[in-house]
Protein backbone atom coordinates (compact mmCIF):
# COMPACT_ATOMS: atom_id res chain seq x y z
CA MET A 1 36.34 -20.37 -30.80
CA THR A 2 35.48 -20.87 -27.13
CA PRO A 3 37.76 -23.48 -25.56
CA ALA A 4 36.27 -26.57 -23.98
CA PRO A 5 35.51 -26.07 -20.30
CA PRO A 6 37.37 -28.12 -17.72
CA SER A 7 35.61 -31.29 -16.66
CA ASP A 8 34.44 -29.84 -13.35
CA ALA A 9 32.99 -26.66 -14.87
CA ALA A 10 29.41 -25.98 -15.87
CA THR A 11 28.64 -26.41 -19.56
CA PRO A 12 27.80 -23.33 -21.65
CA GLY A 13 24.51 -23.38 -23.50
CA ILE A 14 22.37 -21.56 -26.04
CA VAL A 15 18.64 -21.61 -26.74
CA ILE A 16 17.39 -21.86 -30.32
CA ALA A 17 14.06 -20.02 -30.38
CA ALA A 18 11.69 -18.44 -32.91
CA PRO A 19 8.83 -15.95 -33.12
CA ALA A 20 6.44 -18.77 -34.05
CA SER A 21 6.22 -22.47 -34.78
CA GLY A 22 7.31 -23.44 -38.27
CA SER A 23 10.13 -20.90 -38.46
CA GLY A 24 12.85 -23.52 -38.85
CA LYS A 25 14.29 -23.94 -35.36
CA THR A 26 14.27 -27.76 -35.56
CA LEU A 27 16.16 -27.71 -38.87
CA VAL A 28 18.71 -25.26 -37.43
CA THR A 29 19.07 -27.27 -34.22
CA LEU A 30 19.63 -30.57 -36.02
CA GLY A 31 22.12 -28.97 -38.39
CA LEU A 32 24.05 -27.41 -35.51
CA LEU A 33 24.14 -30.63 -33.50
CA ARG A 34 25.50 -32.66 -36.41
CA HIS A 35 27.90 -29.89 -37.47
CA PHE A 36 29.40 -29.54 -33.99
CA ARG A 37 29.57 -33.31 -33.55
CA ASP A 38 31.39 -33.71 -36.86
CA ALA A 39 33.77 -30.93 -35.82
CA GLY A 40 34.82 -32.99 -32.82
CA ILE A 41 32.84 -30.98 -30.27
CA ASN A 42 31.02 -33.02 -27.65
CA VAL A 43 27.62 -31.40 -27.96
CA ALA A 44 24.56 -32.19 -25.86
CA SER A 45 20.98 -31.11 -26.39
CA ALA A 46 17.76 -30.28 -24.58
CA LYS A 47 14.20 -29.63 -25.71
CA VAL A 48 11.85 -27.18 -24.00
CA GLY A 49 8.42 -28.56 -23.19
CA PRO A 50 6.78 -32.00 -23.14
CA ASP A 51 7.75 -33.06 -26.69
CA TYR A 52 8.78 -36.70 -27.20
CA ILE A 53 9.44 -36.61 -30.93
CA ASP A 54 12.01 -33.84 -31.47
CA PRO A 55 14.38 -35.28 -28.81
CA ALA A 56 14.74 -38.48 -30.86
CA PHE A 57 15.88 -36.36 -33.83
CA HIS A 58 18.34 -34.54 -31.54
CA ALA A 59 19.79 -37.88 -30.44
CA ALA A 60 20.22 -38.96 -34.05
CA ALA A 61 21.94 -35.68 -34.94
CA GLY A 62 24.22 -35.27 -31.94
CA GLY A 63 24.74 -38.83 -30.84
CA ARG A 64 23.60 -38.22 -27.25
CA THR A 65 20.30 -38.60 -25.42
CA CYS A 66 18.30 -35.36 -25.47
CA VAL A 67 16.62 -34.30 -22.21
CA ASN A 68 13.37 -32.42 -21.74
CA LEU A 69 13.35 -29.08 -19.97
CA ASP A 70 9.78 -28.40 -18.91
CA LEU A 71 9.31 -25.30 -16.76
CA TRP A 72 5.62 -25.94 -16.07
CA ALA A 73 5.62 -29.65 -15.32
CA MET A 74 9.08 -30.32 -13.85
CA ARG A 75 10.31 -29.56 -10.37
CA ALA A 76 13.56 -27.57 -10.16
CA GLU A 77 15.43 -30.62 -8.84
CA THR A 78 14.24 -32.71 -11.79
CA ARG A 79 15.36 -30.09 -14.29
CA THR A 80 18.72 -29.74 -12.55
CA ALA A 81 19.30 -33.50 -12.55
CA SER A 82 18.32 -33.83 -16.21
CA LEU A 83 20.62 -31.03 -17.32
CA ALA A 84 23.45 -32.45 -15.21
CA ASP A 85 23.01 -35.79 -16.96
CA ALA A 86 22.98 -34.07 -20.36
CA ALA A 87 26.08 -32.00 -19.58
CA LYS A 88 28.33 -34.88 -18.49
CA GLY A 89 31.40 -34.67 -20.70
CA ALA A 90 29.78 -32.06 -22.98
CA GLU A 91 31.42 -28.87 -24.19
CA LEU A 92 28.18 -27.22 -25.34
CA ILE A 93 24.44 -27.64 -24.82
CA VAL A 94 22.09 -26.67 -27.65
CA CYS A 95 18.54 -26.28 -26.36
CA GLU A 96 15.65 -26.13 -28.84
CA GLY A 97 12.65 -24.06 -27.80
CA VAL A 98 8.97 -24.74 -28.26
CA MET A 99 6.42 -22.73 -30.27
CA GLY A 100 7.09 -18.98 -30.21
CA LEU A 101 9.61 -17.56 -27.74
CA PHE A 102 7.01 -16.28 -25.27
CA ASP A 103 4.29 -18.92 -25.83
CA GLY A 104 3.67 -20.99 -22.70
CA ALA A 105 1.10 -22.94 -20.74
CA HIS A 106 -0.41 -19.66 -19.53
CA LEU A 107 1.10 -16.44 -20.88
CA ASP A 108 4.82 -17.23 -20.90
CA GLU A 109 4.83 -19.74 -18.02
CA GLY A 110 6.63 -22.83 -19.29
CA SER A 111 7.72 -21.02 -22.46
CA THR A 112 11.10 -20.97 -24.17
CA ALA A 113 11.65 -17.54 -22.62
CA HIS A 114 10.92 -19.04 -19.21
CA ALA A 115 13.57 -21.70 -19.86
CA ALA A 116 16.08 -19.07 -20.97
CA ARG A 117 15.46 -17.07 -17.79
CA ASP A 118 15.77 -20.16 -15.64
CA THR A 119 19.04 -21.36 -17.17
CA GLY A 120 20.57 -17.98 -17.95
CA TRP A 121 21.34 -19.11 -21.50
CA PRO A 122 21.15 -16.57 -24.33
CA VAL A 123 18.59 -16.89 -27.10
CA ILE A 124 19.37 -17.27 -30.79
CA LEU A 125 16.25 -16.22 -32.68
CA VAL A 126 15.42 -18.06 -35.93
CA VAL A 127 13.24 -15.79 -38.08
CA ASP A 128 11.36 -16.95 -41.18
CA ALA A 129 12.10 -14.06 -43.53
CA LYS A 130 10.48 -15.41 -46.68
CA ALA A 131 7.91 -12.59 -46.86
CA GLN A 132 9.86 -9.79 -45.18
CA GLY A 133 12.63 -7.38 -45.90
CA ALA A 134 13.74 -4.59 -43.57
CA SER A 135 10.60 -5.14 -41.48
CA ALA A 136 12.26 -8.24 -40.07
CA ALA A 137 14.51 -5.98 -37.97
CA ALA A 138 11.44 -4.50 -36.31
CA LEU A 139 10.18 -7.98 -35.50
CA VAL A 140 13.53 -8.91 -33.94
CA ALA A 141 13.54 -5.64 -31.98
CA GLY A 142 10.14 -6.44 -30.51
CA PHE A 143 11.27 -9.84 -29.30
CA ALA A 144 14.62 -8.53 -28.04
CA ARG A 145 13.04 -5.75 -25.98
CA HIS A 146 9.92 -7.54 -24.76
CA ARG A 147 11.55 -8.87 -21.58
CA ALA A 148 14.65 -7.42 -19.97
CA ASP A 149 15.47 -10.76 -18.34
CA VAL A 150 15.64 -12.63 -21.69
CA THR A 151 18.72 -11.98 -23.83
CA VAL A 152 18.36 -12.28 -27.59
CA ALA A 153 22.05 -12.61 -28.42
CA GLY A 154 21.89 -13.31 -32.14
CA VAL A 155 19.54 -13.88 -35.06
CA ILE A 156 19.41 -16.37 -37.94
CA PHE A 157 17.25 -15.52 -40.93
CA ASN A 158 15.68 -18.55 -42.60
CA ARG A 159 14.19 -19.03 -46.07
CA THR A 160 15.91 -16.04 -47.65
CA GLY A 161 15.22 -15.72 -51.36
CA SER A 162 18.49 -14.37 -52.72
CA ALA A 163 21.80 -12.75 -51.83
CA ARG A 164 20.09 -9.36 -52.24
CA HIS A 165 17.37 -10.38 -49.80
CA ALA A 166 20.02 -11.41 -47.28
CA ASP A 167 21.82 -8.08 -47.72
CA ILE A 168 18.60 -6.17 -46.99
CA LEU A 169 18.11 -8.14 -43.78
CA ARG A 170 21.70 -7.62 -42.65
CA ASP A 171 21.61 -3.89 -43.47
CA ALA A 172 18.36 -3.40 -41.54
CA MET A 173 19.77 -5.16 -38.50
CA ALA A 174 23.01 -3.18 -38.65
CA ALA A 175 21.09 0.08 -38.80
CA ASP A 176 18.50 -0.67 -36.12
CA LEU A 177 20.01 -3.35 -33.88
CA PRO A 178 23.79 -3.32 -34.26
CA GLU A 179 24.17 -5.01 -30.86
CA ILE A 180 22.48 -8.20 -32.16
CA PRO A 181 24.64 -9.97 -34.74
CA VAL A 182 23.20 -11.72 -37.77
CA LEU A 183 24.73 -15.18 -37.53
CA GLY A 184 23.69 -16.15 -41.01
CA CYS A 185 20.98 -16.35 -43.64
CA LEU A 186 19.74 -19.76 -44.69
CA PRO A 187 18.30 -19.86 -48.21
CA ARG A 188 15.05 -21.58 -49.05
CA LEU A 189 15.78 -25.29 -48.95
CA ASP A 190 12.57 -26.82 -50.22
CA ASP A 191 14.07 -30.31 -50.32
CA LEU A 192 14.95 -30.15 -46.63
CA PHE A 193 11.74 -30.91 -44.79
CA LEU A 194 10.51 -33.53 -42.37
CA PRO A 195 7.12 -35.21 -42.92
CA GLU A 196 4.48 -34.78 -40.24
CA ARG A 197 1.53 -36.71 -38.88
CA HIS A 198 -1.14 -35.82 -36.36
CA LEU A 199 1.15 -35.60 -33.29
CA GLY A 200 3.97 -33.72 -35.01
CA LEU A 201 6.92 -35.01 -36.99
CA VAL A 202 6.97 -38.61 -38.12
CA GLN A 203 9.16 -40.43 -35.60
CA ALA A 204 12.91 -40.45 -36.15
CA GLN A 205 13.08 -44.26 -36.19
CA GLU A 206 10.66 -44.37 -39.15
CA HIS A 207 12.93 -42.35 -41.49
CA GLY A 208 15.01 -44.54 -43.76
CA ASP A 209 17.03 -41.52 -44.94
CA LEU A 210 17.20 -39.56 -41.69
CA ASP A 211 20.99 -39.51 -41.56
CA ALA A 212 21.17 -38.07 -45.07
CA PHE A 213 18.65 -35.38 -44.10
CA ILE A 214 20.62 -34.42 -40.98
CA SER A 215 23.89 -34.38 -42.94
CA ALA A 216 22.30 -32.05 -45.50
CA ALA A 217 21.07 -29.78 -42.69
CA ALA A 218 24.58 -29.74 -41.21
CA ALA A 219 26.06 -28.85 -44.61
CA ALA A 220 23.61 -25.95 -44.96
CA VAL A 221 24.46 -24.72 -41.46
CA ALA A 222 28.19 -24.91 -42.18
CA ALA A 223 27.81 -23.08 -45.50
CA HIS A 224 25.54 -20.25 -44.37
CA LEU A 225 25.99 -19.69 -40.62
CA ASP A 226 28.90 -18.38 -38.57
CA THR A 227 28.98 -21.34 -36.22
CA ASP A 228 32.14 -20.12 -34.44
CA ALA A 229 30.42 -16.83 -33.56
CA LEU A 230 27.30 -18.72 -32.49
CA ARG A 231 29.30 -20.96 -30.17
CA ASP A 232 31.09 -17.93 -28.73
CA LEU A 233 27.68 -16.58 -27.66
CA ALA A 234 26.99 -19.62 -25.46
CA ARG A 235 27.10 -18.90 -21.75
CA ILE A 236 27.43 -20.94 -18.59
CA GLY A 237 24.03 -20.87 -16.96
CA ARG A 238 23.01 -19.89 -13.49
CA ALA A 239 24.27 -22.23 -10.80
CA ALA A 240 21.55 -24.44 -9.36
CA PRO A 241 21.71 -26.07 -5.94
CA LYS A 242 22.91 -29.66 -6.15
CA THR A 243 20.28 -31.90 -4.60
CA GLU A 244 19.58 -35.61 -4.86
CA ALA A 245 16.60 -35.74 -7.18
CA THR A 246 13.74 -37.97 -6.11
CA PRO A 247 12.15 -39.94 -8.98
CA ALA A 248 9.69 -37.95 -11.06
CA ILE A 249 7.24 -40.82 -10.66
CA PRO A 250 7.63 -43.50 -7.97
CA PRO A 251 9.01 -46.76 -9.39
CA LEU A 252 6.18 -49.17 -10.14
CA GLY A 253 8.27 -52.11 -8.92
CA ARG A 254 11.78 -53.46 -8.47
CA LYS A 255 11.90 -54.76 -12.06
CA ILE A 256 9.71 -52.83 -14.47
CA ALA A 257 8.88 -54.22 -17.91
CA VAL A 258 8.70 -51.24 -20.30
CA ALA A 259 7.18 -51.54 -23.78
CA ARG A 260 9.60 -49.97 -26.29
CA ASP A 261 9.07 -49.99 -30.06
CA ALA A 262 7.42 -47.89 -32.78
CA ALA A 263 4.01 -48.29 -31.13
CA PHE A 264 5.23 -47.40 -27.62
CA SER A 265 7.99 -44.83 -28.05
CA PHE A 266 6.93 -41.85 -25.94
CA VAL A 267 9.17 -42.30 -22.92
CA TYR A 268 10.77 -39.47 -20.96
CA PRO A 269 14.43 -40.31 -20.21
CA HIS A 270 14.25 -38.58 -16.83
CA VAL A 271 11.44 -40.90 -15.71
CA LEU A 272 13.43 -44.07 -16.46
CA ASP A 273 16.62 -42.52 -15.07
CA GLY A 274 14.79 -41.69 -11.85
CA TRP A 275 13.60 -45.28 -11.54
CA ARG A 276 17.12 -46.57 -12.10
CA ARG A 277 18.55 -44.19 -9.50
CA ALA A 278 15.97 -45.51 -7.06
CA GLY A 279 17.29 -49.04 -7.65
CA ALA A 280 14.72 -50.34 -10.13
CA GLU A 281 15.71 -52.47 -13.12
CA ILE A 282 14.23 -51.55 -16.52
CA ALA A 283 13.36 -54.51 -18.75
CA PRO A 284 12.38 -53.30 -22.25
CA PHE A 285 10.28 -55.49 -24.55
CA SER A 286 8.69 -55.10 -27.99
CA PRO A 287 4.96 -55.85 -28.34
CA LEU A 288 5.24 -55.47 -32.13
CA ASP A 289 7.71 -58.36 -32.13
CA GLY A 290 5.22 -60.48 -30.23
CA GLN A 291 7.05 -60.12 -26.94
CA GLY A 292 5.33 -59.96 -23.58
CA PRO A 293 6.67 -58.53 -20.34
CA ALA A 294 9.40 -60.56 -18.65
CA ASP A 295 7.93 -63.19 -16.34
CA ASP A 296 10.16 -62.12 -13.46
CA ALA A 297 9.16 -58.45 -13.71
CA ASP A 298 6.87 -57.17 -10.98
CA ALA A 299 5.28 -54.29 -12.90
CA VAL A 300 4.51 -53.22 -16.49
CA TYR A 301 4.68 -49.73 -17.99
CA LEU A 302 3.02 -49.08 -21.36
CA PRO A 303 4.01 -45.60 -22.56
CA GLY A 304 2.29 -43.67 -25.30
CA GLY A 305 3.10 -43.77 -28.98
CA TYR A 306 1.19 -44.79 -32.09
CA PRO A 307 -0.67 -48.02 -31.32
CA GLU A 308 -3.40 -46.93 -33.73
CA LEU A 309 -0.95 -47.36 -36.62
CA HIS A 310 -0.16 -50.91 -35.52
CA ALA A 311 -3.49 -51.97 -34.01
CA GLY A 312 -3.78 -55.12 -36.13
CA ARG A 313 -0.37 -56.42 -35.07
CA ILE A 314 -1.06 -55.57 -31.43
CA ALA A 315 -4.42 -57.34 -31.50
CA ALA A 316 -2.75 -60.43 -32.98
CA SER A 317 0.09 -60.45 -30.43
CA ARG A 318 -1.11 -63.15 -28.05
CA GLY A 319 2.17 -63.15 -26.15
CA PHE A 320 1.85 -59.46 -25.42
CA LEU A 321 -1.86 -59.25 -24.57
CA GLY A 322 -1.76 -62.56 -22.72
CA GLY A 323 1.23 -61.35 -20.73
CA LEU A 324 -0.63 -58.23 -19.67
CA ARG A 325 -3.62 -60.29 -18.55
CA GLY A 326 -1.32 -62.60 -16.63
CA PHE A 327 0.21 -59.70 -14.74
CA ALA A 328 -3.25 -58.36 -13.93
CA ASP A 329 -4.41 -61.78 -12.72
CA ALA A 330 -1.31 -62.01 -10.51
CA GLY A 331 -2.08 -58.64 -8.93
CA LYS A 332 1.01 -56.95 -10.36
CA PRO A 333 0.80 -53.23 -11.31
CA VAL A 334 0.14 -52.49 -14.98
CA PHE A 335 0.18 -48.80 -15.94
CA GLY A 336 -0.61 -47.32 -19.35
CA GLU A 337 -0.36 -43.76 -20.63
CA CYS A 338 -2.27 -42.46 -23.67
CA GLY A 339 -1.52 -45.11 -26.31
CA GLY A 340 -0.76 -47.58 -23.54
CA TYR A 341 -4.08 -46.71 -21.91
CA MET A 342 -5.93 -47.39 -25.15
CA VAL A 343 -4.25 -50.80 -25.46
CA LEU A 344 -5.35 -51.70 -21.93
CA GLY A 345 -8.95 -50.98 -22.99
CA GLY A 346 -11.49 -53.18 -24.66
CA SER A 347 -11.02 -52.06 -28.26
CA LEU A 348 -9.26 -49.57 -30.51
CA THR A 349 -10.87 -48.48 -33.79
CA ASP A 350 -8.32 -47.28 -36.35
CA ALA A 351 -8.63 -44.40 -38.82
CA ASP A 352 -10.22 -46.72 -41.41
CA GLY A 353 -13.00 -47.65 -39.00
CA VAL A 354 -11.67 -51.16 -38.30
CA ARG A 355 -12.21 -52.28 -34.72
CA HIS A 356 -9.36 -54.19 -33.03
CA ALA A 357 -9.73 -56.05 -29.73
CA MET A 358 -7.22 -54.95 -27.11
CA ALA A 359 -6.31 -56.32 -23.67
CA GLY A 360 -9.74 -55.75 -22.12
CA LEU A 361 -8.28 -54.84 -18.73
CA LEU A 362 -9.84 -51.37 -18.42
CA PRO A 363 -13.37 -50.21 -19.32
CA VAL A 364 -12.47 -47.94 -22.21
CA ASP A 365 -13.04 -48.18 -25.98
CA THR A 366 -11.38 -45.64 -28.26
CA SER A 367 -11.54 -44.65 -31.92
CA PHE A 368 -9.55 -42.70 -34.50
CA ALA A 369 -12.30 -42.91 -37.11
CA GLU A 370 -13.53 -39.50 -35.95
CA ARG A 371 -10.58 -37.49 -34.70
CA LYS A 372 -10.84 -34.91 -31.94
CA LEU A 373 -7.86 -32.98 -30.58
CA HIS A 374 -7.15 -33.13 -26.85
CA LEU A 375 -4.16 -30.94 -26.02
CA GLY A 376 -2.69 -29.25 -22.99
CA TYR A 377 -0.94 -29.50 -19.65
CA ARG A 378 -2.71 -31.38 -16.89
CA ARG A 379 -2.47 -31.36 -13.11
CA ALA A 380 -3.52 -34.82 -11.98
CA MET A 381 -4.37 -35.58 -8.36
CA LEU A 382 -4.59 -39.23 -7.36
CA ILE A 383 -8.03 -40.11 -6.09
CA ALA A 384 -6.92 -43.23 -4.22
CA ASP A 385 -3.68 -44.86 -3.08
CA SER A 386 -1.79 -46.51 -5.95
CA PRO A 387 1.77 -47.38 -7.03
CA LEU A 388 1.91 -43.80 -8.38
CA GLY A 389 1.55 -42.39 -4.87
CA ALA A 390 -0.83 -41.84 -2.00
CA ALA A 391 -4.31 -40.42 -2.45
CA GLY A 392 -4.10 -36.66 -2.83
CA THR A 393 -0.65 -36.74 -4.46
CA ALA A 394 -0.49 -34.22 -7.30
CA LEU A 395 1.36 -35.03 -10.51
CA ARG A 396 1.89 -32.92 -13.60
CA GLY A 397 1.76 -34.04 -17.19
CA HIS A 398 0.57 -33.37 -20.71
CA GLU A 399 -2.27 -34.63 -22.89
CA PHE A 400 -1.96 -34.72 -26.69
CA HIS A 401 -4.03 -37.12 -28.77
CA TYR A 402 -6.82 -37.30 -31.34
CA ALA A 403 -8.64 -40.34 -30.00
CA THR A 404 -12.39 -40.29 -29.39
CA ILE A 405 -13.67 -42.17 -26.37
CA LEU A 406 -16.52 -44.43 -27.45
CA ALA A 407 -17.12 -45.84 -23.98
CA GLU A 408 -15.43 -45.29 -20.64
CA ASP A 409 -17.77 -46.74 -18.03
CA LEU A 410 -17.26 -47.21 -14.33
CA GLY A 411 -18.35 -50.65 -13.17
CA PRO A 412 -19.67 -51.45 -9.70
CA ASN A 413 -17.05 -51.99 -6.99
CA ARG A 414 -14.08 -52.81 -9.25
CA ASP A 415 -13.66 -49.73 -11.46
CA ALA A 416 -12.80 -46.23 -10.35
CA PRO A 417 -11.36 -43.04 -11.84
CA LEU A 418 -7.60 -42.55 -11.45
CA PHE A 419 -7.20 -38.75 -11.34
CA GLN A 420 -9.04 -35.57 -10.53
CA ALA A 421 -7.68 -33.30 -13.26
CA SER A 422 -7.31 -29.62 -13.99
CA ASN A 423 -5.58 -27.66 -16.76
CA ALA A 424 -2.68 -25.22 -16.61
CA ARG A 425 -5.05 -22.38 -15.72
CA GLY A 426 -6.39 -24.35 -12.76
CA GLU A 427 -9.75 -25.03 -14.40
CA ASP A 428 -11.41 -28.27 -13.31
CA MET A 429 -11.50 -30.99 -16.00
CA GLY A 430 -13.28 -33.63 -13.95
CA VAL A 431 -11.99 -37.16 -13.47
CA MET A 432 -9.58 -38.78 -15.91
CA GLY A 433 -8.31 -42.33 -16.32
CA ARG A 434 -9.49 -45.60 -14.87
CA VAL A 435 -8.39 -48.17 -12.29
CA ARG A 436 -9.43 -51.81 -12.14
CA GLY A 437 -7.63 -53.82 -9.50
CA THR A 438 -3.89 -53.25 -10.09
CA VAL A 439 -4.39 -52.06 -13.69
CA MET A 440 -4.52 -48.30 -14.22
CA GLY A 441 -4.12 -45.74 -16.97
CA SER A 442 -5.12 -42.41 -18.45
CA PHE A 443 -4.49 -40.20 -21.48
CA ILE A 444 -2.06 -38.05 -19.47
CA HIS A 445 1.67 -38.44 -20.12
CA LEU A 446 3.04 -37.97 -16.60
CA ILE A 447 6.15 -35.77 -16.39
CA ASP A 448 6.82 -35.19 -12.70
CA ARG A 449 5.34 -35.12 -9.24
CA GLU A 450 4.37 -31.68 -8.05
CA ASP A 451 6.39 -29.64 -5.59
CA SER A 452 4.72 -29.78 -2.20
CA GLY A 453 4.63 -26.00 -2.17
CA ALA A 454 3.22 -25.66 -5.74
């Protein structure tokens, strides 16, 4: 087994990827994180892309905060700082990919392959073999040879039906691709699955038996994979210049009240870390517990999450909604993203068609009674000066929700759009978000400011 690196050395890493979504890479990643942790290895994790949900499962499995590694939305200095934070004291970094290996924002830009190229980490390909025999070797060969600058260093076959099925897969790989080792064959484990809802997996904090699930995944990994060989394939990535990372998003104030509970859980660690490094204090509070922002805070941040599942409790939380209105009346910045934006609006209609009054601070009414998917990366340019930056500042982020906008009107003098938006292909998407006084929000989850040369 590879010895632990000295404390001043870079940390070796691997990328867990797949030909397509649903192949089992999250199950494998969680099992590996828990297995290595239980073996006494200080293992860290990363997640490619803008996902909020999978990183919470990583943290539960490995015991450390998972960082996002987004090659489309993050500046190089932000990625470097995030990985440096993740690697502190770690002996290994396990990075879970997103979608299929070469699926990105546009072609393979922002893809798992892009992340592997950027870090220099080798790829472990998780292949769902439930309907394939020897043909699986041809699939692996295609992925291994598609890009010379992406190294597929090993393969894990998932959902194998029998020992004979596993033998066929191993024999085909040995005959056609002897340079790529088969690290193991996981059998079909129908009882090992994670429930989903409209934005992906049900959140980690909502699973009463999550630890048992992760332990079972770790047991399966230990029983069926050669974890020593897998760890030996990890490599120290390419050295990145050490620079002092500027915050991804400018701090909204000196003390920022941040909503944190099951309704407001979509927070990027690198955003809060950047605020802390800039000297800001983070003051979390729980709207679902009836809490409002701290009186001595000078700004409020409402991240996304699932307010539609808790709309009744939010509407009844006078301390929370009254606190938001008090901050607005005092001229303090209040910023909401996606779910937070909906709560700043006039009303939120839930999936059952029940309308709930929200804060009434922005001219937007939303509904989940008729769902419509809005998904994709967004480049967001500020239309006017704000706590997020000067007019013309470009930010990058991601939109993913099913809400329908019932009304989003601009009023005379007081209301204005927040962003001029475009997608990852550079196609104009018009204006997005709203500003009223010091209250602002949009459906975009902001990830980072844009490089000046981007």
